[in-house]
Amino acid sequence: ILNLLFKMDKIKQLQTTTEKLKKSLEEMDEQAK
């Protein structure tokens, strides 16, 4: 259960990082355009 909770927290962090990366990519795309 603890291991699952840790992984779920890791997944949330990864999701947050992914969202940030996605937003940064979108901003870079707008800047490029």
PDB file of all heavy atoms in Angstrom:
ATOM      1  N   ILE A   1       0.838  -1.212   0.000  1.00  0.00           N
ATOM      2  CA  ILE A   1       0.000   0.000   0.000  1.00  0.00           C
ATOM      3  C   ILE A   1       0.864   1.250   0.000  1.00  0.00           C
ATOM      4  O   ILE A   1       0.637   2.226  -0.752  1.00  0.00           O
ATOM      5  CB  ILE A   1      -0.939  -0.018   1.227  1.00  0.00           C
ATOM      6  CG1 ILE A   1      -2.003  -1.094   1.043  1.00  0.00           C
ATOM      7  CG2 ILE A   1      -1.611   1.348   1.406  1.00  0.00           C
ATOM      8  CD1 ILE A   1      -2.844  -1.333   2.294  1.00  0.00           C
ATOM      9  N   LEU A   2       1.909   1.255   0.824  1.00  0.00           N
ATOM     10  CA  LEU A   2       2.819   2.409   0.882  1.00  0.00           C
ATOM     11  C   LEU A   2       3.531   2.630  -0.458  1.00  0.00           C
ATOM     12  O   LEU A   2       3.706   3.759  -0.920  1.00  0.00           O
ATOM     13  CB  LEU A   2       3.846   2.220   2.002  1.00  0.00           C
ATOM     14  CG  LEU A   2       3.301   2.296   3.439  1.00  0.00           C
ATOM     15  CD1 LEU A   2       4.394   1.915   4.447  1.00  0.00           C
ATOM     16  CD2 LEU A   2       2.760   3.690   3.721  1.00  0.00           C
ATOM     17  N   ASN A   3       3.962   1.457  -1.002  1.00  0.00           N
ATOM     18  CA  ASN A   3       4.648   1.544  -2.301  1.00  0.00           C
ATOM     19  C   ASN A   3       3.712   2.098  -3.363  1.00  0.00           C
ATOM     20  O   ASN A   3       4.112   2.927  -4.214  1.00  0.00           O
ATOM     21  CB  ASN A   3       5.145   0.143  -2.695  1.00  0.00           C
ATOM     22  CG  ASN A   3       6.075   0.188  -3.917  1.00  0.00           C
ATOM     23  OD1 ASN A   3       6.824   1.151  -4.108  1.00  0.00           O
ATOM     24  ND2 ASN A   3       6.021  -0.834  -4.736  1.00  0.00           N
ATOM     25  N   LEU A   4       2.451   1.708  -3.302  1.00  0.00           N
ATOM     26  CA  LEU A   4       1.453   2.188  -4.263  1.00  0.00           C
ATOM     27  C   LEU A   4       1.211   3.683  -4.067  1.00  0.00           C
ATOM     28  O   LEU A   4       1.141   4.447  -5.051  1.00  0.00           O
ATOM     29  CB  LEU A   4       0.144   1.399  -4.080  1.00  0.00           C
ATOM     30  CG  LEU A   4      -1.011   1.806  -5.001  1.00  0.00           C
ATOM     31  CD1 LEU A   4      -0.632   1.564  -6.461  1.00  0.00           C
ATOM     32  CD2 LEU A   4      -2.283   1.002  -4.664  1.00  0.00           C
ATOM     33  N   LEU A   5       1.125   4.079  -2.804  1.00  0.00           N
ATOM     34  CA  LEU A   5       0.919   5.499  -2.526  1.00  0.00           C
ATOM     35  C   LEU A   5       2.095   6.332  -3.036  1.00  0.00           C
ATOM     36  O   LEU A   5       1.930   7.429  -3.590  1.00  0.00           O
ATOM     37  CB  LEU A   5       0.730   5.718  -1.023  1.00  0.00           C
ATOM     38  CG  LEU A   5      -0.580   5.184  -0.420  1.00  0.00           C
ATOM     39  CD1 LEU A   5      -0.563   5.306   1.108  1.00  0.00           C
ATOM     40  CD2 LEU A   5      -1.766   5.966  -1.005  1.00  0.00           C
ATOM     41  N   PHE A   6       3.329   5.790  -2.813  1.00  0.00           N
ATOM     42  CA  PHE A   6       4.522   6.512  -3.285  1.00  0.00           C
ATOM     43  C   PHE A   6       4.510   6.653  -4.800  1.00  0.00           C
ATOM     44  O   PHE A   6       4.817   7.726  -5.355  1.00  0.00           O
ATOM     45  CB  PHE A   6       5.762   5.741  -2.806  1.00  0.00           C
ATOM     46  CG  PHE A   6       7.054   6.305  -3.319  1.00  0.00           C
ATOM     47  CD1 PHE A   6       7.598   7.462  -2.777  1.00  0.00           C
ATOM     48  CD2 PHE A   6       7.728   5.677  -4.373  1.00  0.00           C
ATOM     49  CE1 PHE A   6       8.767   7.967  -3.283  1.00  0.00           C
ATOM     50  CE2 PHE A   6       8.903   6.211  -4.870  1.00  0.00           C
ATOM     51  CZ  PHE A   6       9.442   7.341  -4.321  1.00  0.00           C
ATOM     52  N   LYS A   7       4.159   5.563  -5.485  1.00  0.00           N
ATOM     53  CA  LYS A   7       4.137   5.583  -6.954  1.00  0.00           C
ATOM     54  C   LYS A   7       3.054   6.515  -7.471  1.00  0.00           C
ATOM     55  O   LYS A   7       3.244   7.222  -8.471  1.00  0.00           O
ATOM     56  CB  LYS A   7       3.927   4.162  -7.498  1.00  0.00           C
ATOM     57  CG  LYS A   7       5.154   3.291  -7.343  1.00  0.00           C
ATOM     58  CD  LYS A   7       4.941   1.903  -7.977  1.00  0.00           C
ATOM     59  CE  LYS A   7       6.233   1.065  -7.883  1.00  0.00           C
ATOM     60  NZ  LYS A   7       6.051  -0.245  -8.511  1.00  0.00           N
ATOM     61  N   MET A   8       1.904   6.509  -6.760  1.00  0.00           N
ATOM     62  CA  MET A   8       0.837   7.417  -7.176  1.00  0.00           C
ATOM     63  C   MET A   8       1.275   8.884  -7.026  1.00  0.00           C
ATOM     64  O   MET A   8       0.986   9.721  -7.886  1.00  0.00           O
ATOM     65  CB  MET A   8      -0.427   7.160  -6.337  1.00  0.00           C
ATOM     66  CG  MET A   8      -1.128   5.842  -6.695  1.00  0.00           C
ATOM     67  SD  MET A   8      -2.565   5.543  -5.645  1.00  0.00           S
ATOM     68  CE  MET A   8      -3.613   6.858  -6.205  1.00  0.00           C
ATOM     69  N   ASP A   9       2.005   9.133  -5.931  1.00  0.00           N
ATOM     70  CA  ASP A   9       2.519  10.503  -5.740  1.00  0.00           C
ATOM     71  C   ASP A   9       3.532  10.838  -6.820  1.00  0.00           C
ATOM     72  O   ASP A   9       3.565  11.957  -7.338  1.00  0.00           O
ATOM     73  CB  ASP A   9       3.163  10.581  -4.349  1.00  0.00           C
ATOM     74  CG  ASP A   9       3.621  11.998  -4.041  1.00  0.00           C
ATOM     75  OD1 ASP A   9       2.762  12.926  -4.061  1.00  0.00           O
ATOM     76  OD2 ASP A   9       4.841  12.227  -3.840  1.00  0.00           O
ATOM     77  N   LYS A  10       4.369   9.854  -7.176  1.00  0.00           N
ATOM     78  CA  LYS A  10       5.362  10.051  -8.240  1.00  0.00           C
ATOM     79  C   LYS A  10       4.679  10.320  -9.565  1.00  0.00           C
ATOM     80  O   LYS A  10       5.103  11.193 -10.355  1.00  0.00           O
ATOM     81  CB  LYS A  10       6.242   8.797  -8.329  1.00  0.00           C
ATOM     82  CG  LYS A  10       7.535   9.004  -9.104  1.00  0.00           C
ATOM     83  CD  LYS A  10       8.485   9.855  -8.302  1.00  0.00           C
ATOM     84  CE  LYS A  10       9.851   9.913  -9.007  1.00  0.00           C
ATOM     85  NZ  LYS A  10      10.748  10.814  -8.315  1.00  0.00           N
ATOM     86  N   ILE A  11       3.578   9.548  -9.767  1.00  0.00           N
ATOM     87  CA  ILE A  11       2.832   9.725 -11.021  1.00  0.00           C
ATOM     88  C   ILE A  11       2.253  11.137 -11.082  1.00  0.00           C
ATOM     89  O   ILE A  11       2.286  11.800 -12.132  1.00  0.00           O
ATOM     90  CB  ILE A  11       1.718   8.665 -11.124  1.00  0.00           C
ATOM     91  CG1 ILE A  11       2.337   7.289 -11.389  1.00  0.00           C
ATOM     92  CG2 ILE A  11       0.719   9.010 -12.223  1.00  0.00           C
ATOM     93  CD1 ILE A  11       1.352   6.130 -11.267  1.00  0.00           C
ATOM     94  N   LYS A  12       1.733  11.631  -9.950  1.00  0.00           N
ATOM     95  CA  LYS A  12       1.179  12.985  -9.921  1.00  0.00           C
ATOM     96  C   LYS A  12       2.268  14.020 -10.240  1.00  0.00           C
ATOM     97  O   LYS A  12       2.051  14.988 -10.969  1.00  0.00           O
ATOM     98  CB  LYS A  12       0.579  13.275  -8.546  1.00  0.00           C
ATOM     99  CG  LYS A  12      -0.748  12.594  -8.311  1.00  0.00           C
ATOM    100  CD  LYS A  12      -1.312  12.977  -6.947  1.00  0.00           C
ATOM    101  CE  LYS A  12      -2.673  12.318  -6.712  1.00  0.00           C
ATOM    102  NZ  LYS A  12      -3.226  12.658  -5.390  1.00  0.00           N
ATOM    103  N   GLN A  13       3.477  13.790  -9.655  1.00  0.00           N
ATOM    104  CA  GLN A  13       4.578  14.704  -9.934  1.00  0.00           C
ATOM    105  C   GLN A  13       4.944  14.683 -11.416  1.00  0.00           C
ATOM    106  O   GLN A  13       5.209  15.730 -12.027  1.00  0.00           O
ATOM    107  CB  GLN A  13       5.804  14.340  -9.090  1.00  0.00           C
ATOM    108  CG  GLN A  13       5.614  14.629  -7.608  1.00  0.00           C
ATOM    109  CD  GLN A  13       6.847  14.233  -6.781  1.00  0.00           C
ATOM    110  OE1 GLN A  13       7.835  13.743  -7.336  1.00  0.00           O
ATOM    111  NE2 GLN A  13       6.785  14.473  -5.483  1.00  0.00           N
ATOM    112  N   LEU A  14       4.951  13.457 -11.946  1.00  0.00           N
ATOM    113  CA  LEU A  14       5.278  13.323 -13.373  1.00  0.00           C
ATOM    114  C   LEU A  14       4.204  13.997 -14.234  1.00  0.00           C
ATOM    115  O   LEU A  14       4.523  14.633 -15.255  1.00  0.00           O
ATOM    116  CB  LEU A  14       5.409  11.838 -13.746  1.00  0.00           C
ATOM    117  CG  LEU A  14       6.665  11.133 -13.212  1.00  0.00           C
ATOM    118  CD1 LEU A  14       6.589   9.620 -13.497  1.00  0.00           C
ATOM    119  CD2 LEU A  14       7.918  11.711 -13.859  1.00  0.00           C
ATOM    120  N   GLN A  15       2.949  13.819 -13.808  1.00  0.00           N
ATOM    121  CA  GLN A  15       1.873  14.463 -14.558  1.00  0.00           C
ATOM    122  C   GLN A  15       2.005  15.993 -14.525  1.00  0.00           C
ATOM    123  O   GLN A  15       1.812  16.672 -15.540  1.00  0.00           O
ATOM    124  CB  GLN A  15       0.518  14.037 -13.974  1.00  0.00           C
ATOM    125  CG  GLN A  15       0.121  12.613 -14.333  1.00  0.00           C
ATOM    126  CD  GLN A  15      -1.202  12.223 -13.691  1.00  0.00           C
ATOM    127  OE1 GLN A  15      -1.664  12.865 -12.747  1.00  0.00           O
ATOM    128  NE2 GLN A  15      -1.803  11.151 -14.197  1.00  0.00           N
ATOM    129  N   THR A  16       2.353  16.517 -13.321  1.00  0.00           N
ATOM    130  CA  THR A  16       2.540  17.975 -13.188  1.00  0.00           C
ATOM    131  C   THR A  16       3.687  18.450 -14.071  1.00  0.00           C
ATOM    132  O   THR A  16       3.585  19.453 -14.776  1.00  0.00           O
ATOM    133  CB  THR A  16       2.832  18.329 -11.726  1.00  0.00           C
ATOM    134  OG1 THR A  16       1.752  17.871 -10.899  1.00  0.00           O
ATOM    135  CG2 THR A  16       3.000  19.834 -11.556  1.00  0.00           C
ATOM    136  N   THR A  17       4.775  17.665 -14.022  1.00  0.00           N
ATOM    137  CA  THR A  17       5.940  18.020 -14.862  1.00  0.00           C
ATOM    138  C   THR A  17       5.573  17.949 -16.338  1.00  0.00           C
ATOM    139  O   THR A  17       5.970  18.812 -17.145  1.00  0.00           O
ATOM    140  CB  THR A  17       7.103  17.082 -14.563  1.00  0.00           C
ATOM    141  OG1 THR A  17       7.432  17.132 -13.164  1.00  0.00           O
ATOM    142  CG2 THR A  17       8.337  17.463 -15.379  1.00  0.00           C
ATOM    143  N   THR A  18       4.787  16.913 -16.667  1.00  0.00           N
ATOM    144  CA  THR A  18       4.355  16.744 -18.062  1.00  0.00           C
ATOM    145  C   THR A  18       3.502  17.928 -18.505  1.00  0.00           C
ATOM    146  O   THR A  18       3.658  18.444 -19.620  1.00  0.00           O
ATOM    147  CB  THR A  18       3.566  15.445 -18.223  1.00  0.00           C
ATOM    148  OG1 THR A  18       4.385  14.345 -17.803  1.00  0.00           O
ATOM    149  CG2 THR A  18       3.149  15.240 -19.681  1.00  0.00           C
ATOM    150  N   GLU A  19       2.618  18.368 -17.637  1.00  0.00           N
ATOM    151  CA  GLU A  19       1.758  19.510 -17.964  1.00  0.00           C
ATOM    152  C   GLU A  19       2.594  20.771 -18.183  1.00  0.00           C
ATOM    153  O   GLU A  19       2.351  21.546 -19.103  1.00  0.00           O
ATOM    154  CB  GLU A  19       0.758  19.740 -16.820  1.00  0.00           C
ATOM    155  CG  GLU A  19      -0.355  18.707 -16.717  1.00  0.00           C
ATOM    156  CD  GLU A  19      -1.256  18.728 -17.934  1.00  0.00           C
ATOM    157  OE1 GLU A  19      -1.452  19.821 -18.518  1.00  0.00           O
ATOM    158  OE2 GLU A  19      -1.765  17.653 -18.314  1.00  0.00           O
ATOM    159  N   LYS A  20       3.596  20.945 -17.289  1.00  0.00           N
ATOM    160  CA  LYS A  20       4.464  22.099 -17.435  1.00  0.00           C
ATOM    161  C   LYS A  20       5.244  22.052 -18.743  1.00  0.00           C
ATOM    162  O   LYS A  20       5.386  23.052 -19.449  1.00  0.00           O
ATOM    163  CB  LYS A  20       5.441  22.186 -16.257  1.00  0.00           C
ATOM    164  CG  LYS A  20       4.781  22.582 -14.943  1.00  0.00           C
ATOM    165  CD  LYS A  20       5.810  22.674 -13.834  1.00  0.00           C
ATOM    166  CE  LYS A  20       5.164  23.114 -12.511  1.00  0.00           C
ATOM    167  NZ  LYS A  20       6.157  23.197 -11.419  1.00  0.00           N
ATOM    168  N   LEU A  21       5.747  20.816 -19.024  1.00  0.00           N
ATOM    169  CA  LEU A  21       6.494  20.660 -20.276  1.00  0.00           C
ATOM    170  C   LEU A  21       5.599  20.913 -21.485  1.00  0.00           C
ATOM    171  O   LEU A  21       6.009  21.579 -22.458  1.00  0.00           O
ATOM    172  CB  LEU A  21       7.101  19.257 -20.359  1.00  0.00           C
ATOM    173  CG  LEU A  21       8.287  18.989 -19.444  1.00  0.00           C
ATOM    174  CD1 LEU A  21       8.658  17.501 -19.477  1.00  0.00           C
ATOM    175  CD2 LEU A  21       9.475  19.835 -19.855  1.00  0.00           C
ATOM    176  N   LYS A  22       4.372  20.402 -21.391  1.00  0.00           N
ATOM    177  CA  LYS A  22       3.420  20.599 -22.483  1.00  0.00           C
ATOM    178  C   LYS A  22       3.111  22.079 -22.689  1.00  0.00           C
ATOM    179  O   LYS A  22       3.075  22.593 -23.813  1.00  0.00           O
ATOM    180  CB  LYS A  22       2.133  19.829 -22.184  1.00  0.00           C
ATOM    181  CG  LYS A  22       1.113  19.876 -23.313  1.00  0.00           C
ATOM    182  CD  LYS A  22      -0.110  19.045 -22.949  1.00  0.00           C
ATOM    183  CE  LYS A  22      -1.142  19.119 -24.073  1.00  0.00           C
ATOM    184  NZ  LYS A  22      -2.359  18.346 -23.716  1.00  0.00           N
ATOM    185  N   LYS A  23       2.923  22.799 -21.569  1.00  0.00           N
ATOM    186  CA  LYS A  23       2.630  24.230 -21.632  1.00  0.00           C
ATOM    187  C   LYS A  23       3.824  25.000 -22.209  1.00  0.00           C
ATOM    188  O   LYS A  23       3.669  25.910 -23.019  1.00  0.00           O
ATOM    189  CB  LYS A  23       2.294  24.738 -20.234  1.00  0.00           C
ATOM    190  CG  LYS A  23       1.805  26.178 -20.218  1.00  0.00           C
ATOM    191  CD  LYS A  23       1.374  26.565 -18.815  1.00  0.00           C
ATOM    192  CE  LYS A  23       0.873  28.020 -18.810  1.00  0.00           C
ATOM    193  NZ  LYS A  23       0.485  28.416 -17.443  1.00  0.00           N
ATOM    194  N   SER A  24       5.042  24.571 -21.743  1.00  0.00           N
ATOM    195  CA  SER A  24       6.243  25.225 -22.254  1.00  0.00           C
ATOM    196  C   SER A  24       6.390  24.995 -23.743  1.00  0.00           C
ATOM    197  O   SER A  24       6.757  25.909 -24.507  1.00  0.00           O
ATOM    198  CB  SER A  24       7.485  24.687 -21.530  1.00  0.00           C
ATOM    199  OG  SER A  24       7.440  24.992 -20.160  1.00  0.00           O
ATOM    200  N   LEU A  25       6.083  23.747 -24.178  1.00  0.00           N
ATOM    201  CA  LEU A  25       6.165  23.427 -25.602  1.00  0.00           C
ATOM    202  C   LEU A  25       5.163  24.245 -26.411  1.00  0.00           C
ATOM    203  O   LEU A  25       5.481  24.748 -27.505  1.00  0.00           O
ATOM    204  CB  LEU A  25       5.928  21.930 -25.820  1.00  0.00           C
ATOM    205  CG  LEU A  25       7.076  21.005 -25.394  1.00  0.00           C
ATOM    206  CD1 LEU A  25       6.648  19.548 -25.479  1.00  0.00           C
ATOM    207  CD2 LEU A  25       8.305  21.248 -26.272  1.00  0.00           C
ATOM    208  N   GLU A  26       3.963  24.399 -25.824  1.00  0.00           N
ATOM    209  CA  GLU A  26       2.941  25.211 -26.517  1.00  0.00           C
ATOM    210  C   GLU A  26       3.393  26.674 -26.621  1.00  0.00           C
ATOM    211  O   GLU A  26       3.228  27.321 -27.663  1.00  0.00           O
ATOM    212  CB  GLU A  26       1.618  25.120 -25.755  1.00  0.00           C
ATOM    213  CG  GLU A  26       0.938  23.765 -25.897  1.00  0.00           C
ATOM    214  CD  GLU A  26      -0.339  23.679 -25.072  1.00  0.00           C
ATOM    215  OE1 GLU A  26      -0.584  24.629 -24.288  1.00  0.00           O
ATOM    216  OE2 GLU A  26      -1.069  22.691 -25.205  1.00  0.00           O
ATOM    217  N   GLU A  27       4.002  27.200 -25.501  1.00  0.00           N
ATOM    218  CA  GLU A  27       4.486  28.572 -25.531  1.00  0.00           C
ATOM    219  C   GLU A  27       5.616  28.734 -26.545  1.00  0.00           C
ATOM    220  O   GLU A  27       5.679  29.724 -27.285  1.00  0.00           O
ATOM    221  CB  GLU A  27       4.976  28.987 -24.139  1.00  0.00           C
ATOM    222  CG  GLU A  27       3.844  29.168 -23.136  1.00  0.00           C
ATOM    223  CD  GLU A  27       4.366  29.503 -21.752  1.00  0.00           C
ATOM    224  OE1 GLU A  27       5.608  29.482 -21.569  1.00  0.00           O
ATOM    225  OE2 GLU A  27       3.539  29.794 -20.856  1.00  0.00           O
ATOM    226  N   MET A  28       6.517  27.715 -26.566  1.00  0.00           N
ATOM    227  CA  MET A  28       7.609  27.755 -27.534  1.00  0.00           C
ATOM    228  C   MET A  28       7.073  27.691 -28.962  1.00  0.00           C
ATOM    229  O   MET A  28       7.597  28.363 -29.868  1.00  0.00           O
ATOM    230  CB  MET A  28       8.580  26.593 -27.279  1.00  0.00           C
ATOM    231  CG  MET A  28       9.388  26.752 -25.995  1.00  0.00           C
ATOM    232  SD  MET A  28      10.456  25.341 -25.668  1.00  0.00           S
ATOM    233  CE  MET A  28      11.577  25.450 -27.036  1.00  0.00           C
ATOM    234  N   ASP A  29       6.013  26.907 -29.116  1.00  0.00           N
ATOM    235  CA  ASP A  29       5.410  26.802 -30.453  1.00  0.00           C
ATOM    236  C   ASP A  29       4.815  28.149 -30.882  1.00  0.00           C
ATOM    237  O   ASP A  29       4.992  28.585 -32.034  1.00  0.00           O
ATOM    238  CB  ASP A  29       4.326  25.727 -30.430  1.00  0.00           C
ATOM    239  CG  ASP A  29       3.699  25.525 -31.795  1.00  0.00           C
ATOM    240  OD1 ASP A  29       4.465  25.235 -32.757  1.00  0.00           O
ATOM    241  OD2 ASP A  29       2.471  25.681 -31.935  1.00  0.00           O
ATOM    242  N   GLU A  30       4.147  28.850 -29.919  1.00  0.00           N
ATOM    243  CA  GLU A  30       3.578  30.156 -30.219  1.00  0.00           C
ATOM    244  C   GLU A  30       4.677  31.173 -30.540  1.00  0.00           C
ATOM    245  O   GLU A  30       4.559  31.996 -31.466  1.00  0.00           O
ATOM    246  CB  GLU A  30       2.740  30.663 -29.037  1.00  0.00           C
ATOM    247  CG  GLU A  30       1.424  29.939 -28.842  1.00  0.00           C
ATOM    248  CD  GLU A  30       0.500  30.134 -30.039  1.00  0.00           C
ATOM    249  OE1 GLU A  30       0.526  31.242 -30.635  1.00  0.00           O
ATOM    250  OE2 GLU A  30      -0.213  29.179 -30.392  1.00  0.00           O
ATOM    251  N   GLN A  31       5.754  31.091 -29.731  1.00  0.00           N
ATOM    252  CA  GLN A  31       6.869  31.997 -29.984  1.00  0.00           C
ATOM    253  C   GLN A  31       7.507  31.733 -31.340  1.00  0.00           C
ATOM    254  O   GLN A  31       7.874  32.659 -32.061  1.00  0.00           O
ATOM    255  CB  GLN A  31       7.916  31.861 -28.867  1.00  0.00           C
ATOM    256  CG  GLN A  31       7.449  32.418 -27.521  1.00  0.00           C
ATOM    257  CD  GLN A  31       8.473  32.227 -26.431  1.00  0.00           C
ATOM    258  OE1 GLN A  31       9.514  31.593 -26.655  1.00  0.00           O
ATOM    259  NE2 GLN A  31       8.175  32.746 -25.241  1.00  0.00           N
ATOM    260  N   ALA A  32       7.616  30.452 -31.665  1.00  0.00           N
ATOM    261  CA  ALA A  32       8.191  30.103 -32.974  1.00  0.00           C
ATOM    262  C   ALA A  32       7.310  30.620 -34.097  1.00  0.00           C
ATOM    263  O   ALA A  32       7.797  31.172 -35.097  1.00  0.00           O
ATOM    264  CB  ALA A  32       8.351  28.582 -33.083  1.00  0.00           C
ATOM    265  N   LYS A  33       5.989  30.429 -33.909  1.00  0.00           N
ATOM    266  CA  LYS A  33       5.059  30.946 -34.924  1.00  0.00           C
ATOM    267  C   LYS A  33       5.161  32.476 -35.029  1.00  0.00           C
ATOM    268  O   LYS A  33       5.142  33.037 -36.131  1.00  0.00           O
ATOM    269  CB  LYS A  33       3.623  30.557 -34.569  1.00  0.00           C
ATOM    270  CG  LYS A  33       3.330  29.081 -34.751  1.00  0.00           C
ATOM    271  CD  LYS A  33       1.896  28.767 -34.341  1.00  0.00           C
ATOM    272  CE  LYS A  33       1.600  27.261 -34.516  1.00  0.00           C
ATOM    273  NZ  LYS A  33       0.211  26.942 -34.096  1.00  0.00           N
TER     274      LYS A  33
END
